Amino acid sequence: MSLITLKVINNSGEEITLLTKGVAYADNQSRDFYIGDRCRVSSSNRTGTILRRSDSPNSVIQTDDVDIQFDDGHIEAINLVYLYH
């Protein structure tokens, strides 16, 4: 089991972890993502930029979802486990 984390850098330069999700990976490596990072979504193979943690009040949105702006301009909430660099 490895950990995927979403992090931000605050105004003081400190790293703050927003989300942590345990995921089983063959290589057992941890993966850190930052708001503003480029990423690829494994379920659709699209690339985009991480905008923020998803704060939608919609009950369908999971706590480990982040908002991704894809290269075509669309913004979607995507679960952290589907992201890779």
N, C-alpha and C. Protein backbone atom coordinates (compact mmCIF):
# COMPACT_ATOMS: atom_id res chain seq x y z
N MET A 1 0.85 -1.17 0.00
CA MET A 1 0.00 0.00 0.00
C MET A 1 0.89 1.24 0.00
N SER A 2 0.63 2.12 -0.93
CA SER A 2 1.37 3.38 -0.98
C SER A 2 0.39 4.51 -0.73
N LEU A 3 0.92 5.68 -0.55
CA LEU A 3 0.08 6.84 -0.29
C LEU A 3 0.15 7.83 -1.43
N ILE A 4 -1.00 8.33 -1.82
CA ILE A 4 -1.08 9.45 -2.74
C ILE A 4 -1.50 10.64 -1.90
N THR A 5 -0.81 11.74 -2.03
CA THR A 5 -1.18 12.92 -1.26
C THR A 5 -1.33 14.12 -2.16
N LEU A 6 -2.22 15.01 -1.78
CA LEU A 6 -2.37 16.30 -2.44
C LEU A 6 -1.88 17.35 -1.47
N LYS A 7 -0.97 18.20 -1.91
CA LYS A 7 -0.34 19.18 -1.03
C LYS A 7 -0.41 20.57 -1.63
N VAL A 8 -0.32 21.55 -0.77
CA VAL A 8 -0.17 22.94 -1.19
C VAL A 8 0.98 23.54 -0.40
N ILE A 9 1.51 24.63 -0.90
CA ILE A 9 2.49 25.42 -0.18
C ILE A 9 1.77 26.67 0.31
N ASN A 10 1.80 26.91 1.63
CA ASN A 10 1.09 28.09 2.13
C ASN A 10 1.97 29.34 1.99
N ASN A 11 1.46 30.47 2.42
CA ASN A 11 2.18 31.73 2.26
C ASN A 11 3.49 31.78 3.03
N SER A 12 3.64 30.93 4.04
CA SER A 12 4.88 30.88 4.81
C SER A 12 5.89 29.92 4.21
N GLY A 13 5.52 29.28 3.09
CA GLY A 13 6.42 28.33 2.45
C GLY A 13 6.33 26.93 3.01
N GLU A 14 5.38 26.68 3.90
CA GLU A 14 5.22 25.36 4.49
C GLU A 14 4.33 24.49 3.61
N GLU A 15 4.67 23.20 3.54
CA GLU A 15 3.83 22.24 2.84
C GLU A 15 2.68 21.83 3.73
N ILE A 16 1.48 21.83 3.19
CA ILE A 16 0.30 21.39 3.92
C ILE A 16 -0.34 20.26 3.12
N THR A 17 -0.60 19.14 3.76
CA THR A 17 -1.27 18.03 3.08
C THR A 17 -2.77 18.22 3.19
N LEU A 18 -3.43 18.26 2.05
CA LEU A 18 -4.89 18.42 2.02
C LEU A 18 -5.60 17.08 2.06
N LEU A 19 -5.07 16.11 1.34
CA LEU A 19 -5.71 14.80 1.23
C LEU A 19 -4.63 13.73 1.25
N THR A 20 -4.96 12.59 1.80
CA THR A 20 -4.07 11.43 1.71
C THR A 20 -4.94 10.23 1.41
N LYS A 21 -4.50 9.42 0.47
CA LYS A 21 -5.28 8.26 0.07
C LYS A 21 -4.35 7.07 -0.09
N GLY A 22 -4.66 5.98 0.54
CA GLY A 22 -3.87 4.76 0.38
C GLY A 22 -4.30 4.02 -0.87
N VAL A 23 -3.32 3.62 -1.66
CA VAL A 23 -3.60 2.94 -2.92
C VAL A 23 -2.59 1.81 -3.10
N ALA A 24 -3.05 0.69 -3.60
CA ALA A 24 -2.14 -0.42 -3.88
C ALA A 24 -1.50 -0.22 -5.24
N TYR A 25 -0.19 -0.17 -5.27
CA TYR A 25 0.56 -0.03 -6.51
C TYR A 25 1.59 -1.14 -6.60
N ALA A 26 1.85 -1.59 -7.80
CA ALA A 26 2.85 -2.64 -7.99
C ALA A 26 4.22 -2.17 -7.52
N ASP A 27 4.57 -0.91 -7.77
CA ASP A 27 5.89 -0.42 -7.40
C ASP A 27 5.95 0.12 -5.97
N ASN A 28 4.79 0.19 -5.29
CA ASN A 28 4.72 0.55 -3.88
C ASN A 28 5.38 1.90 -3.58
N GLN A 29 5.28 2.85 -4.50
CA GLN A 29 5.88 4.17 -4.30
C GLN A 29 4.82 5.16 -3.86
N SER A 30 5.24 6.16 -3.08
CA SER A 30 4.31 7.23 -2.73
C SER A 30 4.32 8.27 -3.85
N ARG A 31 3.21 8.98 -3.98
CA ARG A 31 3.09 9.99 -5.02
C ARG A 31 2.54 11.25 -4.40
N ASP A 32 3.23 12.34 -4.61
CA ASP A 32 2.79 13.63 -4.12
C ASP A 32 2.33 14.49 -5.28
N PHE A 33 1.18 15.11 -5.13
CA PHE A 33 0.65 16.03 -6.11
C PHE A 33 0.46 17.38 -5.45
N TYR A 34 0.62 18.42 -6.21
CA TYR A 34 0.44 19.77 -5.70
C TYR A 34 -0.58 20.50 -6.56
N ILE A 35 -1.33 21.41 -5.94
CA ILE A 35 -2.22 22.25 -6.71
C ILE A 35 -1.37 23.04 -7.70
N GLY A 36 -1.77 23.03 -8.95
CA GLY A 36 -1.00 23.64 -10.02
C GLY A 36 -0.18 22.64 -10.81
N ASP A 37 -0.03 21.40 -10.28
CA ASP A 37 0.70 20.35 -10.99
C ASP A 37 -0.05 19.91 -12.23
N ARG A 38 0.71 19.52 -13.24
CA ARG A 38 0.15 18.83 -14.39
C ARG A 38 -0.02 17.36 -14.01
N CYS A 39 -1.05 16.74 -14.54
CA CYS A 39 -1.28 15.34 -14.24
C CYS A 39 -2.01 14.69 -15.41
N ARG A 40 -2.05 13.39 -15.36
CA ARG A 40 -2.81 12.60 -16.34
C ARG A 40 -3.83 11.79 -15.55
N VAL A 41 -5.01 11.61 -16.12
CA VAL A 41 -6.07 10.84 -15.47
C VAL A 41 -6.10 9.46 -16.11
N SER A 42 -5.87 8.43 -15.28
CA SER A 42 -5.71 7.08 -15.82
C SER A 42 -6.98 6.54 -16.46
N SER A 43 -8.14 6.94 -15.98
CA SER A 43 -9.37 6.37 -16.53
C SER A 43 -9.67 6.85 -17.95
N SER A 44 -9.16 8.05 -18.32
CA SER A 44 -9.46 8.60 -19.64
C SER A 44 -8.21 8.96 -20.44
N ASN A 45 -7.05 8.92 -19.80
CA ASN A 45 -5.76 9.26 -20.41
C ASN A 45 -5.69 10.72 -20.86
N ARG A 46 -6.51 11.59 -20.24
CA ARG A 46 -6.47 13.01 -20.54
C ARG A 46 -5.49 13.70 -19.60
N THR A 47 -4.91 14.81 -20.05
CA THR A 47 -4.00 15.58 -19.21
C THR A 47 -4.65 16.89 -18.81
N GLY A 48 -4.22 17.40 -17.65
CA GLY A 48 -4.77 18.66 -17.17
C GLY A 48 -3.96 19.19 -16.00
N THR A 49 -4.51 20.19 -15.34
CA THR A 49 -3.86 20.87 -14.22
C THR A 49 -4.76 20.75 -12.99
N ILE A 50 -4.15 20.45 -11.84
CA ILE A 50 -4.89 20.36 -10.59
C ILE A 50 -5.21 21.78 -10.12
N LEU A 51 -6.50 22.08 -9.96
CA LEU A 51 -6.90 23.41 -9.53
C LEU A 51 -7.03 23.53 -8.01
N ARG A 52 -7.68 22.56 -7.40
CA ARG A 52 -7.95 22.64 -5.96
C ARG A 52 -8.65 21.36 -5.52
N ARG A 53 -8.76 21.24 -4.23
CA ARG A 53 -9.61 20.18 -3.67
C ARG A 53 -11.05 20.51 -4.01
N SER A 54 -11.82 19.51 -4.35
CA SER A 54 -13.21 19.75 -4.73
C SER A 54 -14.05 19.94 -3.48
N ASP A 55 -14.73 21.09 -3.41
CA ASP A 55 -15.57 21.42 -2.25
C ASP A 55 -17.04 21.41 -2.60
N SER A 56 -17.42 20.69 -3.62
CA SER A 56 -18.81 20.68 -4.05
C SER A 56 -19.70 20.10 -2.96
N PRO A 57 -20.86 20.72 -2.72
CA PRO A 57 -21.81 20.17 -1.74
C PRO A 57 -22.54 18.93 -2.26
N ASN A 58 -22.35 18.62 -3.54
CA ASN A 58 -23.00 17.46 -4.15
C ASN A 58 -22.56 16.19 -3.41
N SER A 59 -23.51 15.38 -2.98
CA SER A 59 -23.18 14.19 -2.19
C SER A 59 -22.41 13.15 -3.01
N VAL A 60 -22.41 13.30 -4.33
CA VAL A 60 -21.67 12.35 -5.18
C VAL A 60 -20.16 12.61 -5.09
N ILE A 61 -19.77 13.85 -4.78
CA ILE A 61 -18.36 14.20 -4.70
C ILE A 61 -17.75 13.54 -3.47
N GLN A 62 -16.66 12.84 -3.67
CA GLN A 62 -15.98 12.17 -2.58
C GLN A 62 -14.96 13.11 -1.95
N THR A 63 -14.56 12.82 -0.72
CA THR A 63 -13.61 13.70 -0.03
C THR A 63 -12.23 13.68 -0.67
N ASP A 64 -11.92 12.67 -1.45
CA ASP A 64 -10.62 12.58 -2.11
C ASP A 64 -10.67 13.07 -3.55
N ASP A 65 -11.69 13.84 -3.90
CA ASP A 65 -11.80 14.39 -5.25
C ASP A 65 -11.08 15.73 -5.34
N VAL A 66 -10.47 15.95 -6.48
CA VAL A 66 -9.84 17.23 -6.77
C VAL A 66 -10.39 17.74 -8.10
N ASP A 67 -10.41 19.04 -8.25
CA ASP A 67 -10.87 19.63 -9.50
C ASP A 67 -9.70 19.72 -10.47
N ILE A 68 -9.90 19.16 -11.65
CA ILE A 68 -8.88 19.15 -12.70
C ILE A 68 -9.41 19.97 -13.87
N GLN A 69 -8.58 20.89 -14.37
CA GLN A 69 -8.92 21.57 -15.61
C GLN A 69 -8.16 20.87 -16.72
N PHE A 70 -8.91 20.21 -17.59
CA PHE A 70 -8.29 19.47 -18.68
C PHE A 70 -7.83 20.41 -19.78
N ASP A 71 -6.98 19.91 -20.64
CA ASP A 71 -6.40 20.73 -21.70
C ASP A 71 -7.45 21.29 -22.66
N ASP A 72 -8.62 20.65 -22.71
CA ASP A 72 -9.69 21.17 -23.57
C ASP A 72 -10.52 22.26 -22.87
N GLY A 73 -10.16 22.59 -21.61
CA GLY A 73 -10.83 23.65 -20.87
C GLY A 73 -11.89 23.17 -19.89
N HIS A 74 -12.34 21.92 -20.02
CA HIS A 74 -13.35 21.40 -19.10
C HIS A 74 -12.77 21.19 -17.71
N ILE A 75 -13.58 21.44 -16.69
CA ILE A 75 -13.19 21.22 -15.30
C ILE A 75 -14.07 20.11 -14.74
N GLU A 76 -13.43 19.10 -14.14
CA GLU A 76 -14.16 17.98 -13.55
C GLU A 76 -13.56 17.62 -12.21
N ALA A 77 -14.40 17.10 -11.32
CA ALA A 77 -13.91 16.53 -10.06
C ALA A 77 -13.46 15.10 -10.33
N ILE A 78 -12.21 14.81 -10.00
CA ILE A 78 -11.62 13.50 -10.26
C ILE A 78 -11.04 12.97 -8.95
N ASN A 79 -11.24 11.69 -8.68
CA ASN A 79 -10.68 11.11 -7.48
C ASN A 79 -9.16 11.02 -7.58
N LEU A 80 -8.51 11.30 -6.47
CA LEU A 80 -7.05 11.34 -6.41
C LEU A 80 -6.39 10.05 -6.91
N VAL A 81 -7.04 8.90 -6.72
CA VAL A 81 -6.43 7.64 -7.11
C VAL A 81 -6.24 7.51 -8.61
N TYR A 82 -6.96 8.31 -9.40
CA TYR A 82 -6.87 8.19 -10.86
C TYR A 82 -5.82 9.11 -11.47
N LEU A 83 -5.07 9.83 -10.63
CA LEU A 83 -4.07 10.75 -11.15
C LEU A 83 -2.69 10.12 -11.19
N TYR A 84 -1.94 10.46 -12.22
CA TYR A 84 -0.53 10.12 -12.22
C TYR A 84 0.23 11.19 -13.00
N HIS A 85 1.54 11.24 -12.72
CA HIS A 85 2.38 12.27 -13.34
C HIS A 85 2.79 11.83 -14.73
